[in-house]
Amino acid sequence: MIVDVRTYTMVPGRLGAWLKLYEAEGMPIHVRHLGQPIGVFTTDVGTVNQVVFFWGFESQADRERRREALEADPDWVSYRKKSADAGNVQHQECKIIKSTKFSPM
């Protein structure tokens, strides 16, 4: 298993608006292509105004296949434009982490 960890840092004061937009429009599209996330979190201590996503995949090939389908979806293209036009996201970071042989997941 691999986990795609995506951290989005929002412009201060815009996190709430982005979360509402994502929950209403982005999340259903994500779930349609990527499945249910392991979790979606906001930061409370440390660097604030962040949303952190954990998406689980069987392999890198599985991730690539699902993300390609997502990027080709006209609904996702429309959502991304709306999200970008709102000017909420300041920075994005993506990490791929792999489970160890003794990991409970």
PDB file of N, CA and C in Angstrom:
ATOM      1  N   MET A   1       0.836  -1.178   0.000  1.00  0.00           N
ATOM      2  CA  MET A   1       0.000   0.000   0.000  1.00  0.00           C
ATOM      3  C   MET A   1       0.882   1.244   0.000  1.00  0.00           C
ATOM      4  N   ILE A   2       0.412   2.265  -0.743  1.00  0.00           N
ATOM      5  CA  ILE A   2       1.042   3.576  -0.667  1.00  0.00           C
ATOM      6  C   ILE A   2      -0.027   4.572  -0.218  1.00  0.00           C
ATOM      7  N   VAL A   3       0.443   5.658   0.378  1.00  0.00           N
ATOM      8  CA  VAL A   3      -0.456   6.726   0.795  1.00  0.00           C
ATOM      9  C   VAL A   3       0.030   8.021   0.167  1.00  0.00           C
ATOM     10  N   ASP A   4      -0.880   8.690  -0.510  1.00  0.00           N
ATOM     11  CA  ASP A   4      -0.624  10.004  -1.094  1.00  0.00           C
ATOM     12  C   ASP A   4      -1.036  11.018  -0.031  1.00  0.00           C
ATOM     13  N   VAL A   5      -0.058  11.741   0.508  1.00  0.00           N
ATOM     14  CA  VAL A   5      -0.310  12.754   1.535  1.00  0.00           C
ATOM     15  C   VAL A   5      -0.242  14.108   0.849  1.00  0.00           C
ATOM     16  N   ARG A   6      -1.360  14.800   0.816  1.00  0.00           N
ATOM     17  CA  ARG A   6      -1.431  16.098   0.146  1.00  0.00           C
ATOM     18  C   ARG A   6      -1.742  17.171   1.174  1.00  0.00           C
ATOM     19  N   THR A   7      -0.896  18.185   1.217  1.00  0.00           N
ATOM     20  CA  THR A   7      -1.080  19.287   2.153  1.00  0.00           C
ATOM     21  C   THR A   7      -1.293  20.565   1.358  1.00  0.00           C
ATOM     22  N   TYR A   8      -2.422  21.206   1.603  1.00  0.00           N
ATOM     23  CA  TYR A   8      -2.750  22.472   0.958  1.00  0.00           C
ATOM     24  C   TYR A   8      -2.727  23.559   2.032  1.00  0.00           C
ATOM     25  N   THR A   9      -1.930  24.586   1.823  1.00  0.00           N
ATOM     26  CA  THR A   9      -1.884  25.725   2.725  1.00  0.00           C
ATOM     27  C   THR A   9      -2.741  26.832   2.127  1.00  0.00           C
ATOM     28  N   MET A  10      -3.693  27.296   2.910  1.00  0.00           N
ATOM     29  CA  MET A  10      -4.649  28.293   2.434  1.00  0.00           C
ATOM     30  C   MET A  10      -4.225  29.701   2.824  1.00  0.00           C
ATOM     31  N   VAL A  11      -4.705  30.642   2.063  1.00  0.00           N
ATOM     32  CA  VAL A  11      -4.533  32.047   2.407  1.00  0.00           C
ATOM     33  C   VAL A  11      -5.257  32.258   3.738  1.00  0.00           C
ATOM     34  N   PRO A  12      -4.618  32.919   4.718  1.00  0.00           N
ATOM     35  CA  PRO A  12      -5.279  33.140   5.996  1.00  0.00           C
ATOM     36  C   PRO A  12      -6.665  33.773   5.819  1.00  0.00           C
ATOM     37  N   GLY A  13      -7.630  33.224   6.533  1.00  0.00           N
ATOM     38  CA  GLY A  13      -9.001  33.714   6.476  1.00  0.00           C
ATOM     39  C   GLY A  13      -9.867  33.061   5.424  1.00  0.00           C
ATOM     40  N   ARG A  14      -9.290  32.194   4.595  1.00  0.00           N
ATOM     41  CA  ARG A  14     -10.070  31.586   3.509  1.00  0.00           C
ATOM     42  C   ARG A  14     -10.275  30.079   3.657  1.00  0.00           C
ATOM     43  N   LEU A  15      -9.759  29.504   4.724  1.00  0.00           N
ATOM     44  CA  LEU A  15      -9.869  28.060   4.912  1.00  0.00           C
ATOM     45  C   LEU A  15     -11.323  27.607   4.977  1.00  0.00           C
ATOM     46  N   GLY A  16     -12.139  28.286   5.757  1.00  0.00           N
ATOM     47  CA  GLY A  16     -13.540  27.893   5.908  1.00  0.00           C
ATOM     48  C   GLY A  16     -14.292  27.889   4.587  1.00  0.00           C
ATOM     49  N   ALA A  17     -14.103  28.925   3.783  1.00  0.00           N
ATOM     50  CA  ALA A  17     -14.773  29.007   2.483  1.00  0.00           C
ATOM     51  C   ALA A  17     -14.310  27.886   1.557  1.00  0.00           C
ATOM     52  N   TRP A  18     -13.009  27.588   1.590  1.00  0.00           N
ATOM     53  CA  TRP A  18     -12.499  26.509   0.748  1.00  0.00           C
ATOM     54  C   TRP A  18     -13.068  25.163   1.185  1.00  0.00           C
ATOM     55  N   LEU A  19     -13.123  24.928   2.485  1.00  0.00           N
ATOM     56  CA  LEU A  19     -13.669  23.662   2.983  1.00  0.00           C
ATOM     57  C   LEU A  19     -15.123  23.473   2.552  1.00  0.00           C
ATOM     58  N   LYS A  20     -15.923  24.536   2.603  1.00  0.00           N
ATOM     59  CA  LYS A  20     -17.328  24.443   2.167  1.00  0.00           C
ATOM     60  C   LYS A  20     -17.409  24.108   0.686  1.00  0.00           C
ATOM     61  N   LEU A  21     -16.621  24.789  -0.119  1.00  0.00           N
ATOM     62  CA  LEU A  21     -16.618  24.529  -1.564  1.00  0.00           C
ATOM     63  C   LEU A  21     -16.150  23.113  -1.847  1.00  0.00           C
ATOM     64  N   TYR A  22     -15.078  22.685  -1.200  1.00  0.00           N
ATOM     65  CA  TYR A  22     -14.550  21.345  -1.436  1.00  0.00           C
ATOM     66  C   TYR A  22     -15.559  20.274  -1.008  1.00  0.00           C
ATOM     67  N   GLU A  23     -16.151  20.426   0.169  1.00  0.00           N
ATOM     68  CA  GLU A  23     -17.109  19.429   0.650  1.00  0.00           C
ATOM     69  C   GLU A  23     -18.304  19.303  -0.297  1.00  0.00           C
ATOM     70  N   ALA A  24     -18.802  20.430  -0.784  1.00  0.00           N
ATOM     71  CA  ALA A  24     -19.976  20.428  -1.651  1.00  0.00           C
ATOM     72  C   ALA A  24     -19.678  19.960  -3.068  1.00  0.00           C
ATOM     73  N   GLU A  25     -18.523  20.346  -3.613  1.00  0.00           N
ATOM     74  CA  GLU A  25     -18.272  20.096  -5.036  1.00  0.00           C
ATOM     75  C   GLU A  25     -17.057  19.227  -5.326  1.00  0.00           C
ATOM     76  N   GLY A  26     -15.962  19.431  -4.612  1.00  0.00           N
ATOM     77  CA  GLY A  26     -14.735  18.695  -4.921  1.00  0.00           C
ATOM     78  C   GLY A  26     -14.710  17.279  -4.379  1.00  0.00           C
ATOM     79  N   MET A  27     -15.139  17.111  -3.144  1.00  0.00           N
ATOM     80  CA  MET A  27     -15.085  15.794  -2.494  1.00  0.00           C
ATOM     81  C   MET A  27     -15.865  14.723  -3.256  1.00  0.00           C
ATOM     82  N   PRO A  28     -17.099  15.006  -3.709  1.00  0.00           N
ATOM     83  CA  PRO A  28     -17.815  13.960  -4.446  1.00  0.00           C
ATOM     84  C   PRO A  28     -17.073  13.490  -5.707  1.00  0.00           C
ATOM     85  N   ILE A  29     -16.399  14.411  -6.368  1.00  0.00           N
ATOM     86  CA  ILE A  29     -15.643  14.042  -7.574  1.00  0.00           C
ATOM     87  C   ILE A  29     -14.417  13.230  -7.178  1.00  0.00           C
ATOM     88  N   HIS A  30     -13.713  13.675  -6.149  1.00  0.00           N
ATOM     89  CA  HIS A  30     -12.558  12.926  -5.647  1.00  0.00           C
ATOM     90  C   HIS A  30     -12.956  11.495  -5.304  1.00  0.00           C
ATOM     91  N   VAL A  31     -14.020  11.339  -4.538  1.00  0.00           N
ATOM     92  CA  VAL A  31     -14.453  10.007  -4.102  1.00  0.00           C
ATOM     93  C   VAL A  31     -14.838   9.140  -5.297  1.00  0.00           C
ATOM     94  N   ARG A  32     -15.460   9.736  -6.293  1.00  0.00           N
ATOM     95  CA  ARG A  32     -15.848   8.987  -7.495  1.00  0.00           C
ATOM     96  C   ARG A  32     -14.633   8.337  -8.163  1.00  0.00           C
ATOM     97  N   HIS A  33     -13.494   9.029  -8.147  1.00  0.00           N
ATOM     98  CA  HIS A  33     -12.305   8.521  -8.831  1.00  0.00           C
ATOM     99  C   HIS A  33     -11.284   7.874  -7.896  1.00  0.00           C
ATOM    100  N   LEU A  34     -11.111   8.429  -6.704  1.00  0.00           N
ATOM    101  CA  LEU A  34     -10.044   7.966  -5.812  1.00  0.00           C
ATOM    102  C   LEU A  34     -10.542   7.052  -4.704  1.00  0.00           C
ATOM    103  N   GLY A  35     -11.851   6.964  -4.518  1.00  0.00           N
ATOM    104  CA  GLY A  35     -12.406   6.212  -3.402  1.00  0.00           C
ATOM    105  C   GLY A  35     -12.427   7.090  -2.156  1.00  0.00           C
ATOM    106  N   GLN A  36     -12.868   6.526  -1.044  1.00  0.00           N
ATOM    107  CA  GLN A  36     -12.913   7.271   0.202  1.00  0.00           C
ATOM    108  C   GLN A  36     -11.485   7.546   0.694  1.00  0.00           C
ATOM    109  N   PRO A  37     -11.223   8.743   1.183  1.00  0.00           N
ATOM    110  CA  PRO A  37      -9.897   9.013   1.735  1.00  0.00           C
ATOM    111  C   PRO A  37      -9.704   8.287   3.060  1.00  0.00           C
ATOM    112  N   ILE A  38      -8.457   8.066   3.416  1.00  0.00           N
ATOM    113  CA  ILE A  38      -8.143   7.547   4.750  1.00  0.00           C
ATOM    114  C   ILE A  38      -8.537   8.608   5.777  1.00  0.00           C
ATOM    115  N   GLY A  39      -8.333   9.864   5.415  1.00  0.00           N
ATOM    116  CA  GLY A  39      -8.719  10.962   6.292  1.00  0.00           C
ATOM    117  C   GLY A  39      -8.455  12.305   5.651  1.00  0.00           C
ATOM    118  N   VAL A  40      -9.200  13.291   6.115  1.00  0.00           N
ATOM    119  CA  VAL A  40      -9.011  14.681   5.712  1.00  0.00           C
ATOM    120  C   VAL A  40      -8.967  15.484   7.009  1.00  0.00           C
ATOM    121  N   PHE A  41      -7.892  16.238   7.210  1.00  0.00           N
ATOM    122  CA  PHE A  41      -7.654  16.920   8.472  1.00  0.00           C
ATOM    123  C   PHE A  41      -7.292  18.378   8.250  1.00  0.00           C
ATOM    124  N   THR A  42      -7.505  19.197   9.258  1.00  0.00           N
ATOM    125  CA  THR A  42      -6.974  20.556   9.269  1.00  0.00           C
ATOM    126  C   THR A  42      -5.963  20.637  10.413  1.00  0.00           C
ATOM    127  N   THR A  43      -5.007  21.536  10.268  1.00  0.00           N
ATOM    128  CA  THR A  43      -3.988  21.668  11.307  1.00  0.00           C
ATOM    129  C   THR A  43      -4.511  22.532  12.450  1.00  0.00           C
ATOM    130  N   ASP A  44      -4.083  22.180  13.651  1.00  0.00           N
ATOM    131  CA  ASP A  44      -4.496  22.890  14.848  1.00  0.00           C
ATOM    132  C   ASP A  44      -3.290  23.526  15.545  1.00  0.00           C
ATOM    133  N   VAL A  45      -2.135  22.881  15.417  1.00  0.00           N
ATOM    134  CA  VAL A  45      -0.898  23.355  16.027  1.00  0.00           C
ATOM    135  C   VAL A  45       0.182  23.281  14.954  1.00  0.00           C
ATOM    136  N   GLY A  46       1.094  24.207  14.969  1.00  0.00           N
ATOM    137  CA  GLY A  46       2.153  24.235  13.952  1.00  0.00           C
ATOM    138  C   GLY A  46       1.744  25.184  12.840  1.00  0.00           C
ATOM    139  N   THR A  47       2.036  24.821  11.609  1.00  0.00           N
ATOM    140  CA  THR A  47       1.632  25.640  10.470  1.00  0.00           C
ATOM    141  C   THR A  47       0.121  25.527  10.331  1.00  0.00           C
ATOM    142  N   VAL A  48      -0.571  26.629  10.508  1.00  0.00           N
ATOM    143  CA  VAL A  48      -2.036  26.617  10.466  1.00  0.00           C
ATOM    144  C   VAL A  48      -2.542  26.952   9.070  1.00  0.00           C
ATOM    145  N   ASN A  49      -3.851  26.934   8.909  1.00  0.00           N
ATOM    146  CA  ASN A  49      -4.506  27.190   7.616  1.00  0.00           C
ATOM    147  C   ASN A  49      -4.159  26.113   6.605  1.00  0.00           C
ATOM    148  N   GLN A  50      -4.009  24.877   7.080  1.00  0.00           N
ATOM    149  CA  GLN A  50      -3.691  23.768   6.185  1.00  0.00           C
ATOM    150  C   GLN A  50      -4.785  22.706   6.227  1.00  0.00           C
ATOM    151  N   VAL A  51      -4.956  22.066   5.074  1.00  0.00           N
ATOM    152  CA  VAL A  51      -5.793  20.884   4.949  1.00  0.00           C
ATOM    153  C   VAL A  51      -4.864  19.763   4.520  1.00  0.00           C
ATOM    154  N   VAL A  52      -4.937  18.613   5.190  1.00  0.00           N
ATOM    155  CA  VAL A  52      -4.078  17.478   4.874  1.00  0.00           C
ATOM    156  C   VAL A  52      -4.960  16.294   4.507  1.00  0.00           C
ATOM    157  N   PHE A  53      -4.723  15.760   3.318  1.00  0.00           N
ATOM    158  CA  PHE A  53      -5.466  14.611   2.801  1.00  0.00           C
ATOM    159  C   PHE A  53      -4.577  13.382   2.849  1.00  0.00           C
ATOM    160  N   PHE A  54      -5.161  12.252   3.187  1.00  0.00           N
ATOM    161  CA  PHE A  54      -4.493  10.954   3.116  1.00  0.00           C
ATOM    162  C   PHE A  54      -5.326  10.068   2.192  1.00  0.00           C
ATOM    163  N   TRP A  55      -4.754   9.718   1.037  1.00  0.00           N
ATOM    164  CA  TRP A  55      -5.434   8.864   0.060  1.00  0.00           C
ATOM    165  C   TRP A  55      -4.651   7.565  -0.061  1.00  0.00           C
ATOM    166  N   GLY A  56      -5.295   6.433   0.125  1.00  0.00           N
ATOM    167  CA  GLY A  56      -4.635   5.136   0.036  1.00  0.00           C
ATOM    168  C   GLY A  56      -4.815   4.501  -1.331  1.00  0.00           C
ATOM    169  N   PHE A  57      -3.750   3.864  -1.818  1.00  0.00           N
ATOM    170  CA  PHE A  57      -3.768   3.180  -3.110  1.00  0.00           C
ATOM    171  C   PHE A  57      -3.034   1.853  -2.993  1.00  0.00           C
ATOM    172  N   GLU A  58      -3.416   0.923  -3.835  1.00  0.00           N
ATOM    173  CA  GLU A  58      -2.762  -0.387  -3.842  1.00  0.00           C
ATOM    174  C   GLU A  58      -1.305  -0.279  -4.263  1.00  0.00           C
ATOM    175  N   SER A  59      -1.037   0.616  -5.218  1.00  0.00           N
ATOM    176  CA  SER A  59       0.304   0.755  -5.792  1.00  0.00           C
ATOM    177  C   SER A  59       0.407   2.119  -6.472  1.00  0.00           C
ATOM    178  N   GLN A  60       1.608   2.451  -6.912  1.00  0.00           N
ATOM    179  CA  GLN A  60       1.807   3.691  -7.669  1.00  0.00           C
ATOM    180  C   GLN A  60       1.025   3.631  -8.981  1.00  0.00           C
ATOM    181  N   ALA A  61       0.975   2.467  -9.611  1.00  0.00           N
ATOM    182  CA  ALA A  61       0.227   2.319 -10.864  1.00  0.00           C
ATOM    183  C   ALA A  61      -1.266   2.566 -10.629  1.00  0.00           C
ATOM    184  N   ASP A  62      -1.806   2.052  -9.520  1.00  0.00           N
ATOM    185  CA  ASP A  62      -3.206   2.282  -9.165  1.00  0.00           C
ATOM    186  C   ASP A  62      -3.452   3.772  -8.970  1.00  0.00           C
ATOM    187  N   ARG A  63      -2.558   4.437  -8.260  1.00  0.00           N
ATOM    188  CA  ARG A  63      -2.683   5.880  -8.031  1.00  0.00           C
ATOM    189  C   ARG A  63      -2.670   6.644  -9.348  1.00  0.00           C
ATOM    190  N   GLU A  64      -1.716   6.325 -10.202  1.00  0.00           N
ATOM    191  CA  GLU A  64      -1.605   7.032 -11.481  1.00  0.00           C
ATOM    192  C   GLU A  64      -2.858   6.835 -12.334  1.00  0.00           C
ATOM    193  N   ARG A  65      -3.368   5.626 -12.381  1.00  0.00           N
ATOM    194  CA  ARG A  65      -4.574   5.339 -13.170  1.00  0.00           C
ATOM    195  C   ARG A  65      -5.762   6.154 -12.651  1.00  0.00           C
ATOM    196  N   ARG A  66      -5.940   6.161 -11.348  1.00  0.00           N
ATOM    197  CA  ARG A  66      -7.067   6.882 -10.756  1.00  0.00           C
ATOM    198  C   ARG A  66      -6.918   8.394 -10.917  1.00  0.00           C
ATOM    199  N   ARG A  67      -5.704   8.907 -10.730  1.00  0.00           N
ATOM    200  CA  ARG A  67      -5.499  10.349 -10.861  1.00  0.00           C
ATOM    201  C   ARG A  67      -5.647  10.804 -12.313  1.00  0.00           C
ATOM    202  N   GLU A  68      -5.230   9.982 -13.263  1.00  0.00           N
ATOM    203  CA  GLU A  68      -5.426  10.325 -14.681  1.00  0.00           C
ATOM    204  C   GLU A  68      -6.909  10.433 -15.008  1.00  0.00           C
ATOM    205  N   ALA A  69      -7.708   9.499 -14.495  1.00  0.00           N
ATOM    206  CA  ALA A  69      -9.155   9.553 -14.716  1.00  0.00           C
ATOM    207  C   ALA A  69      -9.747  10.805 -14.069  1.00  0.00           C
ATOM    208  N   LEU A  70      -9.280  11.146 -12.878  1.00  0.00           N
ATOM    209  CA  LEU A  70      -9.744  12.355 -12.201  1.00  0.00           C
ATOM    210  C   LEU A  70      -9.440  13.588 -13.036  1.00  0.00           C
ATOM    211  N   GLU A  71      -8.206  13.709 -13.486  1.00  0.00           N
ATOM    212  CA  GLU A  71      -7.798  14.895 -14.241  1.00  0.00           C
ATOM    213  C   GLU A  71      -8.533  15.019 -15.574  1.00  0.00           C
ATOM    214  N   ALA A  72      -9.033  13.905 -16.123  1.00  0.00           N
ATOM    215  CA  ALA A  72      -9.758  13.926 -17.386  1.00  0.00           C
ATOM    216  C   ALA A  72     -11.248  14.217 -17.208  1.00  0.00           C
ATOM    217  N   ASP A  73     -11.729  14.221 -15.981  1.00  0.00           N
ATOM    218  CA  ASP A  73     -13.152  14.418 -15.698  1.00  0.00           C
ATOM    219  C   ASP A  73     -13.506  15.905 -15.845  1.00  0.00           C
ATOM    220  N   PRO A  74     -14.435  16.243 -16.744  1.00  0.00           N
ATOM    221  CA  PRO A  74     -14.814  17.660 -16.922  1.00  0.00           C
ATOM    222  C   PRO A  74     -15.344  18.309 -15.640  1.00  0.00           C
ATOM    223  N   ASP A  75     -15.999  17.523 -14.784  1.00  0.00           N
ATOM    224  CA  ASP A  75     -16.480  18.068 -13.515  1.00  0.00           C
ATOM    225  C   ASP A  75     -15.304  18.516 -12.642  1.00  0.00           C
ATOM    226  N   TRP A  76     -14.218  17.713 -12.648  1.00  0.00           N
ATOM    227  CA  TRP A  76     -13.038  18.061 -11.858  1.00  0.00           C
ATOM    228  C   TRP A  76     -12.352  19.296 -12.433  1.00  0.00           C
ATOM    229  N   VAL A  77     -12.259  19.382 -13.750  1.00  0.00           N
ATOM    230  CA  VAL A  77     -11.649  20.547 -14.406  1.00  0.00           C
ATOM    231  C   VAL A  77     -12.422  21.807 -14.021  1.00  0.00           C
ATOM    232  N   SER A  78     -13.741  21.725 -14.033  1.00  0.00           N
ATOM    233  CA  SER A  78     -14.588  22.860 -13.661  1.00  0.00           C
ATOM    234  C   SER A  78     -14.399  23.231 -12.193  1.00  0.00           C
ATOM    235  N   TYR A  79     -14.377  22.232 -11.326  1.00  0.00           N
ATOM    236  CA  TYR A  79     -14.176  22.490  -9.897  1.00  0.00           C
ATOM    237  C   TYR A  79     -12.811  23.146  -9.647  1.00  0.00           C
ATOM    238  N   ARG A  80     -11.767  22.618 -10.272  1.00  0.00           N
ATOM    239  CA  ARG A  80     -10.419  23.179 -10.060  1.00  0.00           C
ATOM    240  C   ARG A  80     -10.359  24.640 -10.483  1.00  0.00           C
ATOM    241  N   LYS A  81     -11.030  24.977 -11.587  1.00  0.00           N
ATOM    242  CA  LYS A  81     -11.050  26.372 -12.033  1.00  0.00           C
ATOM    243  C   LYS A  81     -11.759  27.241 -11.000  1.00  0.00           C
ATOM    244  N   LYS A  82     -12.901  26.775 -10.499  1.00  0.00           N
ATOM    245  CA  LYS A  82     -13.644  27.540  -9.501  1.00  0.00           C
ATOM    246  C   LYS A  82     -12.808  27.726  -8.236  1.00  0.00           C
ATOM    247  N   SER A  83     -12.132  26.682  -7.803  1.00  0.00           N
ATOM    248  CA  SER A  83     -11.296  26.754  -6.607  1.00  0.00           C
ATOM    249  C   SER A  83     -10.125  27.708  -6.825  1.00  0.00           C
ATOM    250  N   ALA A  84      -9.500  27.630  -7.994  1.00  0.00           N
ATOM    251  CA  ALA A  84      -8.363  28.514  -8.303  1.00  0.00           C
ATOM    252  C   ALA A  84      -8.813  29.968  -8.404  1.00  0.00           C
ATOM    253  N   ASP A  85      -9.960  30.198  -9.031  1.00  0.00           N
ATOM    254  CA  ASP A  85     -10.471  31.567  -9.180  1.00  0.00           C
ATOM    255  C   ASP A  85     -10.765  32.210  -7.829  1.00  0.00           C
ATOM    256  N   ALA A  86     -11.101  31.391  -6.829  1.00  0.00           N
ATOM    257  CA  ALA A  86     -11.382  31.921  -5.494  1.00  0.00           C
ATOM    258  C   ALA A  86     -10.098  32.368  -4.789  1.00  0.00           C
ATOM    259  N   GLY A  87      -8.949  31.929  -5.286  1.00  0.00           N
ATOM    260  CA  GLY A  87      -7.665  32.356  -4.742  1.00  0.00           C
ATOM    261  C   GLY A  87      -7.404  31.893  -3.321  1.00  0.00           C
ATOM    262  N   ASN A  88      -7.894  30.713  -2.967  1.00  0.00           N
ATOM    263  CA  ASN A  88      -7.762  30.226  -1.597  1.00  0.00           C
ATOM    264  C   ASN A  88      -6.435  29.532  -1.316  1.00  0.00           C
ATOM    265  N   VAL A  89      -5.926  28.769  -2.275  1.00  0.00           N
ATOM    266  CA  VAL A  89      -4.747  27.930  -2.043  1.00  0.00           C
ATOM    267  C   VAL A  89      -3.476  28.735  -2.278  1.00  0.00           C
ATOM    268  N   GLN A  90      -2.625  28.733  -1.264  1.00  0.00           N
ATOM    269  CA  GLN A  90      -1.368  29.473  -1.306  1.00  0.00           C
ATOM    270  C   GLN A  90      -0.201  28.565  -1.706  1.00  0.00           C
ATOM    271  N   HIS A  91      -0.247  27.297  -1.256  1.00  0.00           N
ATOM    272  CA  HIS A  91       0.860  26.364  -1.481  1.00  0.00           C
ATOM    273  C   HIS A  91       0.323  24.934  -1.436  1.00  0.00           C
ATOM    274  N   GLN A  92       0.916  24.060  -2.248  1.00  0.00           N
ATOM    275  CA  GLN A  92       0.549  22.645  -2.253  1.00  0.00           C
ATOM    276  C   GLN A  92       1.800  21.802  -2.109  1.00  0.00           C
ATOM    277  N   GLU A  93       1.662  20.685  -1.388  1.00  0.00           N
ATOM    278  CA  GLU A  93       2.754  19.725  -1.241  1.00  0.00           C
ATOM    279  C   GLU A  93       2.168  18.326  -1.335  1.00  0.00           C
ATOM    280  N   CYS A  94       2.869  17.447  -2.031  1.00  0.00           N
ATOM    281  CA  CYS A  94       2.424  16.069  -2.188  1.00  0.00           C
ATOM    282  C   CYS A  94       3.576  15.134  -1.841  1.00  0.00           C
ATOM    283  N   LYS A  95       3.285  14.143  -1.001  1.00  0.00           N
ATOM    284  CA  LYS A  95       4.268  13.121  -0.651  1.00  0.00           C
ATOM    285  C   LYS A  95       3.627  11.759  -0.861  1.00  0.00           C
ATOM    286  N   ILE A  96       4.419  10.809  -1.321  1.00  0.00           N
ATOM    287  CA  ILE A  96       3.986   9.427  -1.402  1.00  0.00           C
ATOM    288  C   ILE A  96       4.748   8.676  -0.309  1.00  0.00           C
ATOM    289  N   ILE A  97       4.006   8.045   0.593  1.00  0.00           N
ATOM    290  CA  ILE A  97       4.639   7.261   1.653  1.00  0.00           C
ATOM    291  C   ILE A  97       4.230   5.803   1.477  1.00  0.00           C
ATOM    292  N   LYS A  98       5.110   4.894   1.852  1.00  0.00           N
ATOM    293  CA  LYS A  98       4.868   3.466   1.704  1.00  0.00           C
ATOM    294  C   LYS A  98       4.793   2.840   3.094  1.00  0.00           C
ATOM    295  N   SER A  99       3.942   1.849   3.210  1.00  0.00           N
ATOM    296  CA  SER A  99       3.849   1.149   4.503  1.00  0.00           C
ATOM    297  C   SER A  99       5.011   0.184   4.650  1.00  0.00           C
ATOM    298  N   THR A 100       5.427   0.007   5.872  1.00  0.00           N
ATOM    299  CA  THR A 100       6.463  -0.987   6.172  1.00  0.00           C
ATOM    300  C   THR A 100       5.826  -2.358   6.250  1.00  0.00           C
ATOM    301  N   LYS A 101       6.642  -3.405   6.244  1.00  0.00           N
ATOM    302  CA  LYS A 101       6.090  -4.753   6.306  1.00  0.00           C
ATOM    303  C   LYS A 101       5.382  -5.030   7.633  1.00  0.00           C
ATOM    304  N   PHE A 102       5.695  -4.250   8.676  1.00  0.00           N
ATOM    305  CA  PHE A 102       5.081  -4.468   9.986  1.00  0.00           C
ATOM    306  C   PHE A 102       4.003  -3.427  10.311  1.00  0.00           C
ATOM    307  N   SER A 103       3.637  -2.601   9.326  1.00  0.00           N
ATOM    308  CA  SER A 103       2.601  -1.592   9.537  1.00  0.00           C
ATOM    309  C   SER A 103       1.240  -2.270   9.706  1.00  0.00           C
ATOM    310  N   PRO A 104       0.413  -1.779  10.633  1.00  0.00           N
ATOM    311  CA  PRO A 104      -0.916  -2.367  10.793  1.00  0.00           C
ATOM    312  C   PRO A 104      -1.834  -2.141   9.601  1.00  0.00           C
ATOM    313  N   MET A 105      -1.530  -1.181   8.761  1.00  0.00           N
ATOM    314  CA  MET A 105      -2.358  -0.947   7.567  1.00  0.00           C
ATOM    315  C   MET A 105      -1.836  -1.741   6.409  1.00  0.00           C
TER     316      MET A 105
END
